[in-house]
């Protein structure tokens, strides 16, 4: 009788451990998926940048410093690998794009150009999607980090070599208002 009770306890404990393991693994997969969704939106935004730059160049060719900044930021985004690098590159590109739109304010013909207006609208739309994707990613990372740092997950996280994931945080560039000089 005692052996049966011990066996039931061991089996129940086994099911609990498997459940915790599966939960941690599932959350880790969700974190990877959420980061992938950010990548998709950032790639779409990066793909629109050359069209925007070319459209604006036609009207504001002497603003070469602005275009160099945008091109450099886009390049950073394309080569970013870690969450931190992607966040920094995304912030740099957002700042550069804000500068482009600020420059466009000085060119009434550009502001009326349908190609520019369409690109501006698409980029604005994508910025909202990027913001949502970041929020979803951070919410998922929070759930994952909580699962591996609280009891009972903390007891399995170490043997599973699971470590905390980084949040997709805004950099100082996202918080600062860009300075535009002419």
C-alpha atoms as a PDB file:
ATOM      1  CA  UNK A   1       0.000   0.000   0.000  1.00  0.00           C
ATOM      2  CA  UNK A   2       2.837   2.429   0.907  1.00  0.00           C
ATOM      3  CA  UNK A   3       4.602   1.584  -2.350  1.00  0.00           C
ATOM      4  CA  UNK A   4       1.492   2.460  -4.358  1.00  0.00           C
ATOM      5  CA  UNK A   5       1.160   5.820  -2.582  1.00  0.00           C
ATOM      6  CA  UNK A   6       4.844   6.549  -3.185  1.00  0.00           C
ATOM      7  CA  UNK A   7       4.445   5.594  -6.847  1.00  0.00           C
ATOM      8  CA  UNK A   8       1.384   7.879  -7.208  1.00  0.00           C
ATOM      9  CA  UNK A   9       3.338  10.754  -5.624  1.00  0.00           C
ATOM     10  CA  UNK A  10       6.312  10.187  -7.941  1.00  0.00           C
ATOM     11  CA  UNK A  11       4.058  10.011 -11.011  1.00  0.00           C
ATOM     12  CA  UNK A  12       2.178  13.156  -9.916  1.00  0.00           C
ATOM     13  CA  UNK A  13       5.468  14.958  -9.319  1.00  0.00           C
ATOM     14  CA  UNK A  14       6.638  13.801 -12.752  1.00  0.00           C
ATOM     15  CA  UNK A  15       3.510  15.269 -14.365  1.00  0.00           C
ATOM     16  CA  UNK A  16       4.048  18.551 -12.513  1.00  0.00           C
ATOM     17  CA  UNK A  17       7.695  18.734 -13.658  1.00  0.00           C
ATOM     18  CA  UNK A  18       6.726  17.940 -17.245  1.00  0.00           C
ATOM     19  CA  UNK A  19       4.033  20.624 -17.073  1.00  0.00           C
ATOM     20  CA  UNK A  20       6.511  23.214 -15.789  1.00  0.00           C
ATOM     21  CA  UNK A  21       9.075  22.178 -18.416  1.00  0.00           C
ATOM     22  CA  UNK A  22       6.477  22.461 -21.187  1.00  0.00           C
ATOM     23  CA  UNK A  23       5.305  25.853 -19.921  1.00  0.00           C
ATOM     24  CA  UNK A  24       8.841  27.273 -19.876  1.00  0.00           C
ATOM     25  CA  UNK A  25       9.582  25.849 -23.321  1.00  0.00           C
ATOM     26  CA  UNK A  26       6.296  27.168 -24.706  1.00  0.00           C
ATOM     27  CA  UNK A  27       6.960  30.646 -23.343  1.00  0.00           C
ATOM     28  CA  UNK A  28      10.480  30.621 -24.739  1.00  0.00           C
ATOM     29  CA  UNK A  29       9.045  29.747 -28.164  1.00  0.00           C
ATOM     30  CA  UNK A  30       6.523  32.574 -27.830  1.00  0.00           C
ATOM     31  CA  UNK A  31       9.364  35.002 -27.063  1.00  0.00           C
ATOM     32  CA  UNK A  32      11.180  33.882 -30.236  1.00  0.00           C
ATOM     33  CA  UNK A  33       7.965  34.259 -32.233  1.00  0.00           C
ATOM     34  CA  UNK A  34       7.306  37.731 -30.831  1.00  0.00           C
ATOM     35  CA  UNK A  35      10.844  38.829 -31.713  1.00  0.00           C
ATOM     36  CA  UNK A  36      10.338  37.447 -35.193  1.00  0.00           C
ATOM     37  CA  UNK A  37       7.194  39.567 -35.552  1.00  0.00           C
ATOM     38  CA  UNK A  38       9.199  42.662 -34.624  1.00  0.00           C
ATOM     39  CA  UNK A  39      11.771  41.681 -37.248  1.00  0.00           C
ATOM     40  CA  UNK A  40       9.045  41.406 -39.891  1.00  0.00           C
ATOM     41  CA  UNK A  41       7.745  44.898 -39.140  1.00  0.00           C
ATOM     42  CA  UNK A  42      11.249  46.390 -38.967  1.00  0.00           C
ATOM     43  CA  UNK A  43      12.136  44.782 -42.311  1.00  0.00           C
ATOM     44  CA  UNK A  44       8.995  46.221 -43.907  1.00  0.00           C
ATOM     45  CA  UNK A  45       9.894  49.634 -42.529  1.00  0.00           C
ATOM     46  CA  UNK A  46      13.475  49.269 -43.719  1.00  0.00           C
ATOM     47  CA  UNK A  47      12.280  48.282 -47.187  1.00  0.00           C
ATOM     48  CA  UNK A  48      10.246  51.502 -47.465  1.00  0.00           C
ATOM     49  CA  UNK A  49      13.146  53.741 -46.480  1.00  0.00           C
ATOM     50  CA  UNK A  50      14.970  53.751 -49.868  1.00  0.00           C
ATOM     51  CA  UNK A  51      11.736  54.764 -51.613  1.00  0.00           C
ATOM     52  CA  UNK A  52      11.199  57.559 -49.105  1.00  0.00           C
ATOM     53  CA  UNK A  53      14.779  58.766 -49.435  1.00  0.00           C
ATOM     54  CA  UNK A  54      14.595  58.769 -53.223  1.00  0.00           C
ATOM     55  CA  UNK A  55      11.310  60.668 -53.177  1.00  0.00           C
ATOM     56  CA  UNK A  56      12.626  63.286 -50.779  1.00  0.00           C
ATOM     57  CA  UNK A  57      15.973  63.557 -52.621  1.00  0.00           C
ATOM     58  CA  UNK A  58      14.149  64.762 -55.698  1.00  0.00           C
ATOM     59  CA  UNK A  59      12.937  67.798 -53.781  1.00  0.00           C
ATOM     60  CA  UNK A  60      15.666  68.329 -51.195  1.00  0.00           C
ATOM     61  CA  UNK A  61      18.882  67.170 -52.818  1.00  0.00           C
ATOM     62  CA  UNK A  62      21.056  69.495 -50.709  1.00  0.00           C
ATOM     63  CA  UNK A  63      19.986  67.743 -47.467  1.00  0.00           C
ATOM     64  CA  UNK A  64      22.615  65.015 -47.965  1.00  0.00           C
ATOM     65  CA  UNK A  65      23.478  64.752 -44.250  1.00  0.00           C
ATOM     66  CA  UNK A  66      19.923  63.697 -43.498  1.00  0.00           C
ATOM     67  CA  UNK A  67      20.007  61.012 -46.183  1.00  0.00           C
ATOM     68  CA  UNK A  68      23.351  59.684 -44.957  1.00  0.00           C
ATOM     69  CA  UNK A  69      21.933  59.378 -41.439  1.00  0.00           C
ATOM     70  CA  UNK A  70      18.885  57.497 -42.715  1.00  0.00           C
ATOM     71  CA  UNK A  71      21.020  55.167 -44.834  1.00  0.00           C
ATOM     72  CA  UNK A  72      23.385  54.482 -41.929  1.00  0.00           C
ATOM     73  CA  UNK A  73      20.472  53.765 -39.566  1.00  0.00           C
ATOM     74  CA  UNK A  74      18.867  51.413 -42.087  1.00  0.00           C
ATOM     75  CA  UNK A  75      22.170  49.581 -42.498  1.00  0.00           C
ATOM     76  CA  UNK A  76      22.452  49.211 -38.704  1.00  0.00           C
ATOM     77  CA  UNK A  77      18.979  47.686 -38.632  1.00  0.00           C
ATOM     78  CA  UNK A  78      19.815  45.184 -41.349  1.00  0.00           C
ATOM     79  CA  UNK A  79      22.923  43.958 -39.530  1.00  0.00           C
ATOM     80  CA  UNK A  80      21.490  43.910 -35.989  1.00  0.00           C
ATOM     81  CA  UNK A  81      21.407  40.465 -34.375  1.00  0.00           C
ATOM     82  CA  UNK A  82      20.641  40.809 -30.679  1.00  0.00           C
ATOM     83  CA  UNK A  83      17.536  42.332 -29.115  1.00  0.00           C
ATOM     84  CA  UNK A  84      19.635  45.212 -27.838  1.00  0.00           C
ATOM     85  CA  UNK A  85      21.173  45.871 -31.271  1.00  0.00           C
ATOM     86  CA  UNK A  86      17.749  45.726 -32.922  1.00  0.00           C
ATOM     87  CA  UNK A  87      16.297  48.142 -30.371  1.00  0.00           C
ATOM     88  CA  UNK A  88      19.173  50.589 -30.842  1.00  0.00           C
ATOM     89  CA  UNK A  89      19.021  50.356 -34.637  1.00  0.00           C
ATOM     90  CA  UNK A  90      15.247  50.749 -34.636  1.00  0.00           C
ATOM     91  CA  UNK A  91      15.578  53.836 -32.452  1.00  0.00           C
ATOM     92  CA  UNK A  92      18.237  55.289 -34.739  1.00  0.00           C
ATOM     93  CA  UNK A  93      16.062  54.705 -37.801  1.00  0.00           C
ATOM     94  CA  UNK A  94      13.006  56.214 -36.106  1.00  0.00           C
ATOM     95  CA  UNK A  95      15.009  59.312 -35.228  1.00  0.00           C
ATOM     96  CA  UNK A  96      16.379  59.586 -38.747  1.00  0.00           C
ATOM     97  CA  UNK A  97      12.903  59.247 -40.242  1.00  0.00           C
ATOM     98  CA  UNK A  98      11.568  61.946 -37.909  1.00  0.00           C
ATOM     99  CA  UNK A  99      14.316  64.194 -39.236  1.00  0.00           C
ATOM    100  CA  UNK A 100      13.340  63.396 -42.840  1.00  0.00           C
ATOM    101  CA  UNK A 101       9.728  64.304 -42.108  1.00  0.00           C
ATOM    102  CA  UNK A 102      10.862  67.499 -40.381  1.00  0.00           C
ATOM    103  CA  UNK A 103      12.923  68.412 -43.460  1.00  0.00           C
ATOM    104  CA  UNK A 104       9.901  67.706 -45.668  1.00  0.00           C
ATOM    105  CA  UNK A 105       7.980  70.422 -43.830  1.00  0.00           C
ATOM    106  CA  UNK A 106      10.139  72.996 -45.664  1.00  0.00           C
ATOM    107  CA  UNK A 107       9.166  71.713 -49.099  1.00  0.00           C
ATOM    108  CA  UNK A 108       5.493  72.333 -49.917  1.00  0.00           C
ATOM    109  CA  UNK A 109       5.717  70.501 -53.259  1.00  0.00           C
ATOM    110  CA  UNK A 110       7.101  67.443 -51.471  1.00  0.00           C
ATOM    111  CA  UNK A 111       4.368  67.535 -48.846  1.00  0.00           C
ATOM    112  CA  UNK A 112       1.832  67.490 -51.684  1.00  0.00           C
ATOM    113  CA  UNK A 113       3.536  64.686 -53.637  1.00  0.00           C
ATOM    114  CA  UNK A 114       1.296  61.596 -53.610  1.00  0.00           C
ATOM    115  CA  UNK A 115       4.253  59.181 -53.510  1.00  0.00           C
ATOM    116  CA  UNK A 116       5.627  60.946 -50.455  1.00  0.00           C
ATOM    117  CA  UNK A 117       2.218  61.048 -48.782  1.00  0.00           C
ATOM    118  CA  UNK A 118       1.683  57.331 -49.440  1.00  0.00           C
ATOM    119  CA  UNK A 119       5.120  56.441 -48.089  1.00  0.00           C
ATOM    120  CA  UNK A 120       4.572  58.652 -45.057  1.00  0.00           C
ATOM    121  CA  UNK A 121       1.233  56.970 -44.416  1.00  0.00           C
ATOM    122  CA  UNK A 122       2.716  53.476 -44.792  1.00  0.00           C
ATOM    123  CA  UNK A 123       5.596  54.312 -42.471  1.00  0.00           C
ATOM    124  CA  UNK A 124       3.219  55.773 -39.916  1.00  0.00           C
ATOM    125  CA  UNK A 125       1.130  52.613 -40.119  1.00  0.00           C
ATOM    126  CA  UNK A 126       4.227  50.451 -39.705  1.00  0.00           C
ATOM    127  CA  UNK A 127       5.377  52.494 -36.704  1.00  0.00           C
ATOM    128  CA  UNK A 128       2.115  51.546 -34.997  1.00  0.00           C
ATOM    129  CA  UNK A 129       2.661  47.898 -35.863  1.00  0.00           C
ATOM    130  CA  UNK A 130       6.244  48.038 -34.601  1.00  0.00           C
ATOM    131  CA  UNK A 131       5.033  49.593 -31.338  1.00  0.00           C
ATOM    132  CA  UNK A 132       2.400  46.880 -30.939  1.00  0.00           C
ATOM    133  CA  UNK A 133       4.931  44.147 -31.757  1.00  0.00           C
ATOM    134  CA  UNK A 134       7.342  45.566 -29.181  1.00  0.00           C
ATOM    135  CA  UNK A 135       4.625  45.625 -26.560  1.00  0.00           C
ATOM    136  CA  UNK A 136       3.621  42.044 -27.345  1.00  0.00           C
ATOM    137  CA  UNK A 137       7.259  40.946 -27.218  1.00  0.00           C
ATOM    138  CA  UNK A 138       7.839  42.663 -23.877  1.00  0.00           C
ATOM    139  CA  UNK A 139       4.653  41.147 -22.427  1.00  0.00           C
ATOM    140  CA  UNK A 140       5.776  37.706 -23.570  1.00  0.00           C
ATOM    141  CA  UNK A 141       9.288  38.219 -22.186  1.00  0.00           C
ATOM    142  CA  UNK A 142       7.747  39.275 -18.885  1.00  0.00           C
ATOM    143  CA  UNK A 143       5.712  36.050 -18.713  1.00  0.00           C
ATOM    144  CA  UNK A 144       8.773  33.972 -19.625  1.00  0.00           C
ATOM    145  CA  UNK A 145      11.060  35.740 -17.138  1.00  0.00           C
ATOM    146  CA  UNK A 146       8.432  35.354 -14.427  1.00  0.00           C
ATOM    147  CA  UNK A 147       8.098  31.649 -15.190  1.00  0.00           C
ATOM    148  CA  UNK A 148      11.833  30.996 -14.766  1.00  0.00           C
ATOM    149  CA  UNK A 149      12.379  33.223 -11.726  1.00  0.00           C
ATOM    150  CA  UNK A 150       9.420  32.198  -9.581  1.00  0.00           C
ATOM    151  CA  UNK A 151       8.656  28.976  -7.775  1.00  0.00           C
ATOM    152  CA  UNK A 152       8.345  26.276  -9.081  1.00  0.00           C
ATOM    153  CA  UNK A 153       9.901  27.224 -12.444  1.00  0.00           C
ATOM    154  CA  UNK A 154      13.075  28.503 -10.864  1.00  0.00           C
ATOM    155  CA  UNK A 155      13.945  24.924  -9.845  1.00  0.00           C
ATOM    156  CA  UNK A 156      13.843  23.724 -13.455  1.00  0.00           C
ATOM    157  CA  UNK A 157      15.178  26.820 -15.206  1.00  0.00           C
ATOM    158  CA  UNK A 158      18.744  26.252 -14.002  1.00  0.00           C
ATOM    159  CA  UNK A 159      18.998  22.625 -15.123  1.00  0.00           C
ATOM    160  CA  UNK A 160      17.307  23.616 -18.398  1.00  0.00           C
ATOM    161  CA  UNK A 161      19.938  26.401 -18.790  1.00  0.00           C
ATOM    162  CA  UNK A 162      17.195  28.977 -19.223  1.00  0.00           C
ATOM    163  CA  UNK A 163      18.150  32.576 -18.555  1.00  0.00           C
ATOM    164  CA  UNK A 164      16.195  35.815 -18.491  1.00  0.00           C
ATOM    165  CA  UNK A 165      15.464  37.450 -21.838  1.00  0.00           C
ATOM    166  CA  UNK A 166      16.022  41.142 -22.565  1.00  0.00           C
ATOM    167  CA  UNK A 167      13.140  43.533 -23.037  1.00  0.00           C
ATOM    168  CA  UNK A 168      12.896  45.562 -26.239  1.00  0.00           C
ATOM    169  CA  UNK A 169      13.466  48.934 -24.633  1.00  0.00           C
ATOM    170  CA  UNK A 170      13.324  52.419 -26.024  1.00  0.00           C
ATOM    171  CA  UNK A 171      16.691  54.083 -26.210  1.00  0.00           C
ATOM    172  CA  UNK A 172      17.471  57.687 -25.446  1.00  0.00           C
ATOM    173  CA  UNK A 173      17.051  58.339 -29.182  1.00  0.00           C
ATOM    174  CA  UNK A 174      13.403  57.295 -28.994  1.00  0.00           C
ATOM    175  CA  UNK A 175      12.794  59.611 -26.070  1.00  0.00           C
ATOM    176  CA  UNK A 176      14.615  62.641 -27.450  1.00  0.00           C
ATOM    177  CA  UNK A 177      13.158  65.175 -29.836  1.00  0.00           C
ATOM    178  CA  UNK A 178      15.340  65.346 -32.953  1.00  0.00           C
ATOM    179  CA  UNK A 179      17.131  68.588 -33.630  1.00  0.00           C
ATOM    180  CA  UNK A 180      16.798  69.840 -37.193  1.00  0.00           C
ATOM    181  CA  UNK A 181      18.965  72.682 -38.385  1.00  0.00           C
ATOM    182  CA  UNK A 182      19.057  74.361 -41.762  1.00  0.00           C
END
